[in-house]
Amino acid sequence: MSPATRLKHRDYASPGLYFVTICSDFKRRVFGEVRGKGMQLSALGRIAQESWPGIPSHSTSVQLHESIVMPNHVHGIIGIVQARVVAQRAAPLQTKDRRWE
């Protein structure tokens, strides 16, 4: 997302629904083409479509909603269901080498 389209005081890691658009490089039509009333996916378009359901395996705090592959971009709705958990303080390094104490 380009900085110009982000809200300055919005925490995009907080729970909520987010509409995302992922564009191809230089807006090239690499994902397929519209034919009649449907979308004919290219090999890259099929990869994009098949990869969408795998997103939650990378982050358990994400739920997927609708998505669609277009000729030069992908639209999707992602729900963040819980905020990221960040360590409050670091644990001391455990080492047997006493030179580091």
PDB file of N, CA and C in Angstrom:
ATOM      1  N   MET A   1       0.850  -1.172   0.000  1.00  0.00           N
ATOM      2  CA  MET A   1       0.000   0.000   0.000  1.00  0.00           C
ATOM      3  C   MET A   1       0.891   1.229   0.000  1.00  0.00           C
ATOM      4  N   SER A   2       0.596   2.116  -0.859  1.00  0.00           N
ATOM      5  CA  SER A   2       1.416   3.316  -0.904  1.00  0.00           C
ATOM      6  C   SER A   2       1.098   4.201   0.303  1.00  0.00           C
ATOM      7  N   PRO A   3       2.088   4.905   0.809  1.00  0.00           N
ATOM      8  CA  PRO A   3       1.857   5.759   1.974  1.00  0.00           C
ATOM      9  C   PRO A   3       0.745   6.778   1.762  1.00  0.00           C
ATOM     10  N   ALA A   4       0.510   7.211   0.536  1.00  0.00           N
ATOM     11  CA  ALA A   4      -0.514   8.217   0.268  1.00  0.00           C
ATOM     12  C   ALA A   4      -1.925   7.701   0.554  1.00  0.00           C
ATOM     13  N   THR A   5      -2.153   6.388   0.502  1.00  0.00           N
ATOM     14  CA  THR A   5      -3.493   5.840   0.705  1.00  0.00           C
ATOM     15  C   THR A   5      -3.733   5.371   2.128  1.00  0.00           C
ATOM     16  N   ARG A   6      -2.769   5.492   2.994  1.00  0.00           N
ATOM     17  CA  ARG A   6      -2.932   5.086   4.393  1.00  0.00           C
ATOM     18  C   ARG A   6      -3.438   6.248   5.238  1.00  0.00           C
ATOM     19  N   LEU A   7      -4.287   5.937   6.193  1.00  0.00           N
ATOM     20  CA  LEU A   7      -4.718   6.945   7.158  1.00  0.00           C
ATOM     21  C   LEU A   7      -3.599   7.145   8.164  1.00  0.00           C
ATOM     22  N   LYS A   8      -3.276   8.379   8.467  1.00  0.00           N
ATOM     23  CA  LYS A   8      -2.110   8.686   9.302  1.00  0.00           C
ATOM     24  C   LYS A   8      -2.185   8.090  10.703  1.00  0.00           C
ATOM     25  N   HIS A   9      -3.353   8.071  11.313  1.00  0.00           N
ATOM     26  CA  HIS A   9      -3.447   7.637  12.703  1.00  0.00           C
ATOM     27  C   HIS A   9      -4.139   6.287  12.845  1.00  0.00           C
ATOM     28  N   ARG A  10      -4.177   5.497  11.798  1.00  0.00           N
ATOM     29  CA  ARG A  10      -4.816   4.184  11.826  1.00  0.00           C
ATOM     30  C   ARG A  10      -3.778   3.109  12.074  1.00  0.00           C
ATOM     31  N   ASP A  11      -4.061   2.232  13.036  1.00  0.00           N
ATOM     32  CA  ASP A  11      -3.191   1.087  13.316  1.00  0.00           C
ATOM     33  C   ASP A  11      -3.708  -0.086  12.489  1.00  0.00           C
ATOM     34  N   TYR A  12      -3.043  -0.388  11.399  1.00  0.00           N
ATOM     35  CA  TYR A  12      -3.504  -1.429  10.496  1.00  0.00           C
ATOM     36  C   TYR A  12      -3.246  -2.845  11.015  1.00  0.00           C
ATOM     37  N   ALA A  13      -2.709  -2.962  12.217  1.00  0.00           N
ATOM     38  CA  ALA A  13      -2.552  -4.272  12.839  1.00  0.00           C
ATOM     39  C   ALA A  13      -3.705  -4.557  13.796  1.00  0.00           C
ATOM     40  N   SER A  14      -4.586  -3.590  14.008  1.00  0.00           N
ATOM     41  CA  SER A  14      -5.685  -3.773  14.949  1.00  0.00           C
ATOM     42  C   SER A  14      -6.805  -4.585  14.306  1.00  0.00           C
ATOM     43  N   PRO A  15      -7.619  -5.264  15.128  1.00  0.00           N
ATOM     44  CA  PRO A  15      -8.710  -6.087  14.611  1.00  0.00           C
ATOM     45  C   PRO A  15      -9.678  -5.280  13.744  1.00  0.00           C
ATOM     46  N   GLY A  16     -10.187  -5.918  12.715  1.00  0.00           N
ATOM     47  CA  GLY A  16     -11.152  -5.298  11.819  1.00  0.00           C
ATOM     48  C   GLY A  16     -11.110  -5.945  10.453  1.00  0.00           C
ATOM     49  N   LEU A  17     -11.963  -5.474   9.573  1.00  0.00           N
ATOM     50  CA  LEU A  17     -11.990  -5.953   8.201  1.00  0.00           C
ATOM     51  C   LEU A  17     -11.227  -4.978   7.318  1.00  0.00           C
ATOM     52  N   TYR A  18     -10.412  -5.509   6.424  1.00  0.00           N
ATOM     53  CA  TYR A  18      -9.590  -4.686   5.547  1.00  0.00           C
ATOM     54  C   TYR A  18      -9.802  -5.123   4.105  1.00  0.00           C
ATOM     55  N   PHE A  19     -10.087  -4.162   3.244  1.00  0.00           N
ATOM     56  CA  PHE A  19     -10.199  -4.402   1.814  1.00  0.00           C
ATOM     57  C   PHE A  19      -8.816  -4.163   1.226  1.00  0.00           C
ATOM     58  N   VAL A  20      -8.248  -5.198   0.623  1.00  0.00           N
ATOM     59  CA  VAL A  20      -6.889  -5.076   0.083  1.00  0.00           C
ATOM     60  C   VAL A  20      -6.916  -5.247  -1.431  1.00  0.00           C
ATOM     61  N   THR A  21      -6.020  -4.558  -2.086  1.00  0.00           N
ATOM     62  CA  THR A  21      -5.827  -4.704  -3.524  1.00  0.00           C
ATOM     63  C   THR A  21      -4.345  -4.950  -3.762  1.00  0.00           C
ATOM     64  N   ILE A  22      -4.051  -6.008  -4.474  1.00  0.00           N
ATOM     65  CA  ILE A  22      -2.676  -6.352  -4.814  1.00  0.00           C
ATOM     66  C   ILE A  22      -2.547  -6.218  -6.324  1.00  0.00           C
ATOM     67  N   CYS A  23      -1.700  -5.300  -6.764  1.00  0.00           N
ATOM     68  CA  CYS A  23      -1.566  -5.005  -8.195  1.00  0.00           C
ATOM     69  C   CYS A  23      -0.327  -5.673  -8.790  1.00  0.00           C
ATOM     70  N   SER A  24      -0.441  -6.016 -10.054  1.00  0.00           N
ATOM     71  CA  SER A  24       0.716  -6.561 -10.764  1.00  0.00           C
ATOM     72  C   SER A  24       1.690  -5.419 -11.075  1.00  0.00           C
ATOM     73  N   ASP A  25       2.899  -5.784 -11.355  1.00  0.00           N
ATOM     74  CA  ASP A  25       3.942  -4.823 -11.692  1.00  0.00           C
ATOM     75  C   ASP A  25       3.547  -4.048 -12.949  1.00  0.00           C
ATOM     76  N   PHE A  26       3.589  -2.734 -12.868  1.00  0.00           N
ATOM     77  CA  PHE A  26       3.247  -1.852 -13.989  1.00  0.00           C
ATOM     78  C   PHE A  26       1.831  -2.104 -14.524  1.00  0.00           C
ATOM     79  N   LYS A  27       0.972  -2.679 -13.673  1.00  0.00           N
ATOM     80  CA  LYS A  27      -0.431  -2.966 -14.023  1.00  0.00           C
ATOM     81  C   LYS A  27      -0.571  -3.834 -15.263  1.00  0.00           C
ATOM     82  N   ARG A  28       0.393  -4.709 -15.458  1.00  0.00           N
ATOM     83  CA  ARG A  28       0.338  -5.638 -16.599  1.00  0.00           C
ATOM     84  C   ARG A  28      -0.777  -6.660 -16.359  1.00  0.00           C
ATOM     85  N   ARG A  29      -1.410  -7.081 -17.412  1.00  0.00           N
ATOM     86  CA  ARG A  29      -2.503  -8.060 -17.312  1.00  0.00           C
ATOM     87  C   ARG A  29      -1.934  -9.471 -17.295  1.00  0.00           C
ATOM     88  N   VAL A  30      -1.364  -9.842 -16.165  1.00  0.00           N
ATOM     89  CA  VAL A  30      -0.691 -11.133 -16.054  1.00  0.00           C
ATOM     90  C   VAL A  30      -1.562 -12.219 -15.439  1.00  0.00           C
ATOM     91  N   PHE A  31      -2.702 -11.839 -14.852  1.00  0.00           N
ATOM     92  CA  PHE A  31      -3.535 -12.827 -14.156  1.00  0.00           C
ATOM     93  C   PHE A  31      -4.625 -13.423 -15.050  1.00  0.00           C
ATOM     94  N   GLY A  32      -4.774 -12.907 -16.249  1.00  0.00           N
ATOM     95  CA  GLY A  32      -5.775 -13.442 -17.164  1.00  0.00           C
ATOM     96  C   GLY A  32      -6.486 -12.335 -17.898  1.00  0.00           C
ATOM     97  N   GLU A  33      -7.652 -12.676 -18.450  1.00  0.00           N
ATOM     98  CA  GLU A  33      -8.427 -11.683 -19.187  1.00  0.00           C
ATOM     99  C   GLU A  33      -9.911 -11.953 -19.021  1.00  0.00           C
ATOM    100  N   VAL A  34     -10.696 -10.895 -19.155  1.00  0.00           N
ATOM    101  CA  VAL A  34     -12.145 -11.013 -19.073  1.00  0.00           C
ATOM    102  C   VAL A  34     -12.651 -11.490 -20.425  1.00  0.00           C
ATOM    103  N   ARG A  35     -13.461 -12.534 -20.386  1.00  0.00           N
ATOM    104  CA  ARG A  35     -14.062 -13.079 -21.616  1.00  0.00           C
ATOM    105  C   ARG A  35     -15.559 -13.220 -21.356  1.00  0.00           C
ATOM    106  N   GLY A  36     -16.340 -12.449 -22.100  1.00  0.00           N
ATOM    107  CA  GLY A  36     -17.784 -12.460 -21.871  1.00  0.00           C
ATOM    108  C   GLY A  36     -18.074 -11.898 -20.488  1.00  0.00           C
ATOM    109  N   LYS A  37     -18.762 -12.686 -19.680  1.00  0.00           N
ATOM    110  CA  LYS A  37     -19.081 -12.256 -18.311  1.00  0.00           C
ATOM    111  C   LYS A  37     -18.203 -12.938 -17.277  1.00  0.00           C
ATOM    112  N   GLY A  38     -17.138 -13.587 -17.711  1.00  0.00           N
ATOM    113  CA  GLY A  38     -16.279 -14.311 -16.789  1.00  0.00           C
ATOM    114  C   GLY A  38     -14.817 -13.947 -16.943  1.00  0.00           C
ATOM    115  N   MET A  39     -14.039 -14.473 -16.038  1.00  0.00           N
ATOM    116  CA  MET A  39     -12.603 -14.232 -16.023  1.00  0.00           C
ATOM    117  C   MET A  39     -11.903 -15.517 -16.435  1.00  0.00           C
ATOM    118  N   GLN A  40     -11.061 -15.435 -17.468  1.00  0.00           N
ATOM    119  CA  GLN A  40     -10.244 -16.563 -17.904  1.00  0.00           C
ATOM    120  C   GLN A  40      -8.875 -16.384 -17.271  1.00  0.00           C
ATOM    121  N   LEU A  41      -8.564 -17.195 -16.260  1.00  0.00           N
ATOM    122  CA  LEU A  41      -7.308 -17.049 -15.523  1.00  0.00           C
ATOM    123  C   LEU A  41      -6.128 -17.616 -16.297  1.00  0.00           C
ATOM    124  N   SER A  42      -5.002 -16.929 -16.203  1.00  0.00           N
ATOM    125  CA  SER A  42      -3.735 -17.444 -16.726  1.00  0.00           C
ATOM    126  C   SER A  42      -3.136 -18.343 -15.645  1.00  0.00           C
ATOM    127  N   ALA A  43      -1.964 -18.894 -15.907  1.00  0.00           N
ATOM    128  CA  ALA A  43      -1.280 -19.711 -14.897  1.00  0.00           C
ATOM    129  C   ALA A  43      -1.016 -18.883 -13.634  1.00  0.00           C
ATOM    130  N   LEU A  44      -0.575 -17.622 -13.801  1.00  0.00           N
ATOM    131  CA  LEU A  44      -0.340 -16.761 -12.637  1.00  0.00           C
ATOM    132  C   LEU A  44      -1.642 -16.430 -11.915  1.00  0.00           C
ATOM    133  N   GLY A  45      -2.720 -16.267 -12.672  1.00  0.00           N
ATOM    134  CA  GLY A  45      -4.024 -16.013 -12.066  1.00  0.00           C
ATOM    135  C   GLY A  45      -4.494 -17.189 -11.229  1.00  0.00           C
ATOM    136  N   ARG A  46      -4.248 -18.405 -11.714  1.00  0.00           N
ATOM    137  CA  ARG A  46      -4.614 -19.599 -10.945  1.00  0.00           C
ATOM    138  C   ARG A  46      -3.773 -19.700  -9.670  1.00  0.00           C
ATOM    139  N   ILE A  47      -2.498 -19.336  -9.763  1.00  0.00           N
ATOM    140  CA  ILE A  47      -1.636 -19.348  -8.573  1.00  0.00           C
ATOM    141  C   ILE A  47      -2.154 -18.341  -7.552  1.00  0.00           C
ATOM    142  N   ALA A  48      -2.517 -17.144  -8.010  1.00  0.00           N
ATOM    143  CA  ALA A  48      -3.045 -16.125  -7.099  1.00  0.00           C
ATOM    144  C   ALA A  48      -4.326 -16.615  -6.433  1.00  0.00           C
ATOM    145  N   GLN A  49      -5.220 -17.194  -7.206  1.00  0.00           N
ATOM    146  CA  GLN A  49      -6.490 -17.680  -6.677  1.00  0.00           C
ATOM    147  C   GLN A  49      -6.280 -18.843  -5.692  1.00  0.00           C
ATOM    148  N   GLU A  50      -5.380 -19.745  -6.019  1.00  0.00           N
ATOM    149  CA  GLU A  50      -5.129 -20.910  -5.168  1.00  0.00           C
ATOM    150  C   GLU A  50      -4.324 -20.549  -3.924  1.00  0.00           C
ATOM    151  N   SER A  51      -3.582 -19.449  -3.960  1.00  0.00           N
ATOM    152  CA  SER A  51      -2.763 -19.040  -2.819  1.00  0.00           C
ATOM    153  C   SER A  51      -3.570 -18.319  -1.749  1.00  0.00           C
ATOM    154  N   TRP A  52      -4.651 -17.664  -2.125  1.00  0.00           N
ATOM    155  CA  TRP A  52      -5.460 -16.892  -1.177  1.00  0.00           C
ATOM    156  C   TRP A  52      -5.877 -17.721   0.046  1.00  0.00           C
ATOM    157  N   PRO A  53      -6.415 -18.926  -0.104  1.00  0.00           N
ATOM    158  CA  PRO A  53      -6.840 -19.690   1.080  1.00  0.00           C
ATOM    159  C   PRO A  53      -5.693 -20.072   2.020  1.00  0.00           C
ATOM    160  N   GLY A  54      -4.451 -20.002   1.561  1.00  0.00           N
ATOM    161  CA  GLY A  54      -3.311 -20.366   2.400  1.00  0.00           C
ATOM    162  C   GLY A  54      -2.839 -19.258   3.330  1.00  0.00           C
ATOM    163  N   ILE A  55      -3.351 -18.057   3.172  1.00  0.00           N
ATOM    164  CA  ILE A  55      -2.894 -16.933   3.990  1.00  0.00           C
ATOM    165  C   ILE A  55      -3.029 -17.207   5.496  1.00  0.00           C
ATOM    166  N   PRO A  56      -4.138 -17.766   5.982  1.00  0.00           N
ATOM    167  CA  PRO A  56      -4.241 -18.005   7.433  1.00  0.00           C
ATOM    168  C   PRO A  56      -3.198 -18.976   7.993  1.00  0.00           C
ATOM    169  N   SER A  57      -2.574 -19.780   7.153  1.00  0.00           N
ATOM    170  CA  SER A  57      -1.529 -20.675   7.659  1.00  0.00           C
ATOM    171  C   SER A  57      -0.274 -19.900   8.033  1.00  0.00           C
ATOM    172  N   HIS A  58      -0.168 -18.653   7.582  1.00  0.00           N
ATOM    173  CA  HIS A  58       0.963 -17.791   7.923  1.00  0.00           C
ATOM    174  C   HIS A  58       0.666 -16.901   9.123  1.00  0.00           C
ATOM    175  N   SER A  59      -0.602 -16.725   9.440  1.00  0.00           N
ATOM    176  CA  SER A  59      -0.998 -15.889  10.570  1.00  0.00           C
ATOM    177  C   SER A  59      -2.329 -16.389  11.107  1.00  0.00           C
ATOM    178  N   THR A  60      -2.327 -16.877  12.345  1.00  0.00           N
ATOM    179  CA  THR A  60      -3.545 -17.436  12.933  1.00  0.00           C
ATOM    180  C   THR A  60      -4.557 -16.377  13.322  1.00  0.00           C
ATOM    181  N   SER A  61      -4.168 -15.110  13.311  1.00  0.00           N
ATOM    182  CA  SER A  61      -5.093 -14.044  13.694  1.00  0.00           C
ATOM    183  C   SER A  61      -5.846 -13.470  12.487  1.00  0.00           C
ATOM    184  N   VAL A  62      -5.819 -14.184  11.356  1.00  0.00           N
ATOM    185  CA  VAL A  62      -6.432 -13.690  10.127  1.00  0.00           C
ATOM    186  C   VAL A  62      -7.557 -14.623   9.693  1.00  0.00           C
ATOM    187  N   GLN A  63      -8.669 -14.019   9.283  1.00  0.00           N
ATOM    188  CA  GLN A  63      -9.759 -14.760   8.649  1.00  0.00           C
ATOM    189  C   GLN A  63      -9.970 -14.165   7.266  1.00  0.00           C
ATOM    190  N   LEU A  64     -10.189 -15.037   6.289  1.00  0.00           N
ATOM    191  CA  LEU A  64     -10.392 -14.572   4.922  1.00  0.00           C
ATOM    192  C   LEU A  64     -11.869 -14.477   4.599  1.00  0.00           C
ATOM    193  N   HIS A  65     -12.190 -13.511   3.770  1.00  0.00           N
ATOM    194  CA  HIS A  65     -13.539 -13.341   3.261  1.00  0.00           C
ATOM    195  C   HIS A  65     -13.450 -13.409   1.743  1.00  0.00           C
ATOM    196  N   GLU A  66     -14.284 -12.726   1.044  1.00  0.00           N
ATOM    197  CA  GLU A  66     -14.325 -12.809  -0.410  1.00  0.00           C
ATOM    198  C   GLU A  66     -13.027 -12.319  -1.059  1.00  0.00           C
ATOM    199  N   SER A  67     -12.758 -12.874  -2.236  1.00  0.00           N
ATOM    200  CA  SER A  67     -11.630 -12.408  -3.047  1.00  0.00           C
ATOM    201  C   SER A  67     -11.984 -12.613  -4.514  1.00  0.00           C
ATOM    202  N   ILE A  68     -11.314 -11.864  -5.361  1.00  0.00           N
ATOM    203  CA  ILE A  68     -11.515 -12.012  -6.802  1.00  0.00           C
ATOM    204  C   ILE A  68     -10.230 -11.636  -7.515  1.00  0.00           C
ATOM    205  N   VAL A  69      -9.905 -12.420  -8.526  1.00  0.00           N
ATOM    206  CA  VAL A  69      -8.722 -12.151  -9.340  1.00  0.00           C
ATOM    207  C   VAL A  69      -9.181 -11.439 -10.606  1.00  0.00           C
ATOM    208  N   MET A  70      -8.565 -10.323 -10.886  1.00  0.00           N
ATOM    209  CA  MET A  70      -8.857  -9.522 -12.068  1.00  0.00           C
ATOM    210  C   MET A  70      -7.623  -9.574 -12.991  1.00  0.00           C
ATOM    211  N   PRO A  71      -7.706  -9.049 -14.208  1.00  0.00           N
ATOM    212  CA  PRO A  71      -6.568  -9.167 -15.130  1.00  0.00           C
ATOM    213  C   PRO A  71      -5.238  -8.628 -14.592  1.00  0.00           C
ATOM    214  N   ASN A  72      -5.259  -7.507 -13.861  1.00  0.00           N
ATOM    215  CA  ASN A  72      -3.995  -6.937 -13.386  1.00  0.00           C
ATOM    216  C   ASN A  72      -3.957  -6.687 -11.884  1.00  0.00           C
ATOM    217  N   HIS A  73      -4.918  -7.242 -11.144  1.00  0.00           N
ATOM    218  CA  HIS A  73      -4.909  -7.082  -9.688  1.00  0.00           C
ATOM    219  C   HIS A  73      -5.803  -8.123  -9.032  1.00  0.00           C
ATOM    220  N   VAL A  74      -5.650  -8.216  -7.713  1.00  0.00           N
ATOM    221  CA  VAL A  74      -6.465  -9.114  -6.906  1.00  0.00           C
ATOM    222  C   VAL A  74      -7.104  -8.278  -5.813  1.00  0.00           C
ATOM    223  N   HIS A  75      -8.409  -8.449  -5.607  1.00  0.00           N
ATOM    224  CA  HIS A  75      -9.107  -7.804  -4.504  1.00  0.00           C
ATOM    225  C   HIS A  75      -9.423  -8.866  -3.464  1.00  0.00           C
ATOM    226  N   GLY A  76      -9.392  -8.492  -2.207  1.00  0.00           N
ATOM    227  CA  GLY A  76      -9.785  -9.410  -1.154  1.00  0.00           C
ATOM    228  C   GLY A  76     -10.142  -8.673   0.120  1.00  0.00           C
ATOM    229  N   ILE A  77     -10.906  -9.348   0.957  1.00  0.00           N
ATOM    230  CA  ILE A  77     -11.253  -8.815   2.266  1.00  0.00           C
ATOM    231  C   ILE A  77     -10.634  -9.739   3.298  1.00  0.00           C
ATOM    232  N   ILE A  78      -9.795  -9.153   4.150  1.00  0.00           N
ATOM    233  CA  ILE A  78      -9.109  -9.893   5.205  1.00  0.00           C
ATOM    234  C   ILE A  78      -9.589  -9.362   6.550  1.00  0.00           C
ATOM    235  N   GLY A  79      -9.926 -10.266   7.442  1.00  0.00           N
ATOM    236  CA  GLY A  79     -10.320  -9.875   8.789  1.00  0.00           C
ATOM    237  C   GLY A  79      -9.208 -10.201   9.768  1.00  0.00           C
ATOM    238  N   ILE A  80      -8.787  -9.213  10.537  1.00  0.00           N
ATOM    239  CA  ILE A  80      -7.848  -9.459  11.629  1.00  0.00           C
ATOM    240  C   ILE A  80      -8.707  -9.634  12.871  1.00  0.00           C
ATOM    241  N   VAL A  81      -8.626 -10.807  13.482  1.00  0.00           N
ATOM    242  CA  VAL A  81      -9.522 -11.131  14.589  1.00  0.00           C
ATOM    243  C   VAL A  81      -8.908 -10.882  15.956  1.00  0.00           C
ATOM    244  N   GLN A  82      -7.618 -10.708  16.026  1.00  0.00           N
ATOM    245  CA  GLN A  82      -6.970 -10.360  17.293  1.00  0.00           C
ATOM    246  C   GLN A  82      -5.711  -9.576  16.988  1.00  0.00           C
ATOM    247  N   ALA A  83      -5.368  -8.688  17.900  1.00  0.00           N
ATOM    248  CA  ALA A  83      -4.163  -7.882  17.718  1.00  0.00           C
ATOM    249  C   ALA A  83      -2.933  -8.757  17.874  1.00  0.00           C
ATOM    250  N   ARG A  84      -1.849  -8.334  17.251  1.00  0.00           N
ATOM    251  CA  ARG A  84      -0.590  -9.062  17.394  1.00  0.00           C
ATOM    252  C   ARG A  84      -0.139  -9.028  18.841  1.00  0.00           C
ATOM    253  N   VAL A  85       0.412 -10.134  19.284  1.00  0.00           N
ATOM    254  CA  VAL A  85       0.957 -10.208  20.635  1.00  0.00           C
ATOM    255  C   VAL A  85       2.448  -9.914  20.540  1.00  0.00           C
ATOM    256  N   VAL A  86       2.884  -8.918  21.277  1.00  0.00           N
ATOM    257  CA  VAL A  86       4.285  -8.513  21.259  1.00  0.00           C
ATOM    258  C   VAL A  86       4.853  -8.736  22.656  1.00  0.00           C
ATOM    259  N   ALA A  87       6.067  -9.272  22.736  1.00  0.00           N
ATOM    260  CA  ALA A  87       6.703  -9.516  24.033  1.00  0.00           C
ATOM    261  C   ALA A  87       6.833  -8.211  24.812  1.00  0.00           C
ATOM    262  N   GLN A  88       6.532  -8.267  26.089  1.00  0.00           N
ATOM    263  CA  GLN A  88       6.624  -7.084  26.932  1.00  0.00           C
ATOM    264  C   GLN A  88       8.062  -6.773  27.312  1.00  0.00           C
ATOM    265  N   ARG A  89       8.854  -7.809  27.541  1.00  0.00           N
ATOM    266  CA  ARG A  89      10.274  -7.616  27.847  1.00  0.00           C
ATOM    267  C   ARG A  89      11.025  -8.862  27.421  1.00  0.00           C
ATOM    268  N   ALA A  90      12.253  -8.683  27.093  1.00  0.00           N
ATOM    269  CA  ALA A  90      13.073  -9.795  26.604  1.00  0.00           C
ATOM    270  C   ALA A  90      13.605 -10.609  27.773  1.00  0.00           C
ATOM    271  N   ALA A  91      13.688 -11.915  27.576  1.00  0.00           N
ATOM    272  CA  ALA A  91      14.277 -12.793  28.580  1.00  0.00           C
ATOM    273  C   ALA A  91      15.788 -12.743  28.447  1.00  0.00           C
ATOM    274  N   PRO A  92      16.515 -12.912  29.552  1.00  0.00           N
ATOM    275  CA  PRO A  92      17.979 -12.889  29.455  1.00  0.00           C
ATOM    276  C   PRO A  92      18.494 -14.071  28.642  1.00  0.00           C
ATOM    277  N   LEU A  93      19.584 -13.855  27.952  1.00  0.00           N
ATOM    278  CA  LEU A  93      20.206 -14.887  27.150  1.00  0.00           C
ATOM    279  C   LEU A  93      20.796 -15.941  28.073  1.00  0.00           C
ATOM    280  N   GLN A  94      20.477 -17.192  27.823  1.00  0.00           N
ATOM    281  CA  GLN A  94      21.005 -18.297  28.611  1.00  0.00           C
ATOM    282  C   GLN A  94      22.236 -18.857  27.903  1.00  0.00           C
ATOM    283  N   THR A  95      23.379 -18.814  28.579  1.00  0.00           N
ATOM    284  CA  THR A  95      24.604 -19.329  27.974  1.00  0.00           C
ATOM    285  C   THR A  95      25.504 -19.908  29.053  1.00  0.00           C
ATOM    286  N   LYS A  96      26.271 -20.909  28.672  1.00  0.00           N
ATOM    287  CA  LYS A  96      27.230 -21.502  29.603  1.00  0.00           C
ATOM    288  C   LYS A  96      28.577 -20.787  29.519  1.00  0.00           C
ATOM    289  N   ASP A  97      28.739 -19.984  28.501  1.00  0.00           N
ATOM    290  CA  ASP A  97      29.993 -19.252  28.312  1.00  0.00           C
ATOM    291  C   ASP A  97      29.974 -18.018  29.192  1.00  0.00           C
ATOM    292  N   ARG A  98      30.768 -17.977  30.252  1.00  0.00           N
ATOM    293  CA  ARG A  98      30.760 -16.905  31.240  1.00  0.00           C
ATOM    294  C   ARG A  98      31.427 -15.619  30.744  1.00  0.00           C
ATOM    295  N   ARG A  99      32.064 -15.656  29.578  1.00  0.00           N
ATOM    296  CA  ARG A  99      32.703 -14.454  29.052  1.00  0.00           C
ATOM    297  C   ARG A  99      31.678 -13.360  28.760  1.00  0.00           C
ATOM    298  N   TRP A 100      30.434 -13.697  28.575  1.00  0.00           N
ATOM    299  CA  TRP A 100      29.411 -12.738  28.156  1.00  0.00           C
ATOM    300  C   TRP A 100      28.664 -12.141  29.343  1.00  0.00           C
ATOM    301  N   GLU A 101      29.006 -12.483  30.562  1.00  0.00           N
ATOM    302  CA  GLU A 101      28.311 -11.926  31.735  1.00  0.00           C
ATOM    303  C   GLU A 101      28.962 -10.665  32.220  1.00  0.00           C
TER     304      GLU A 101
END
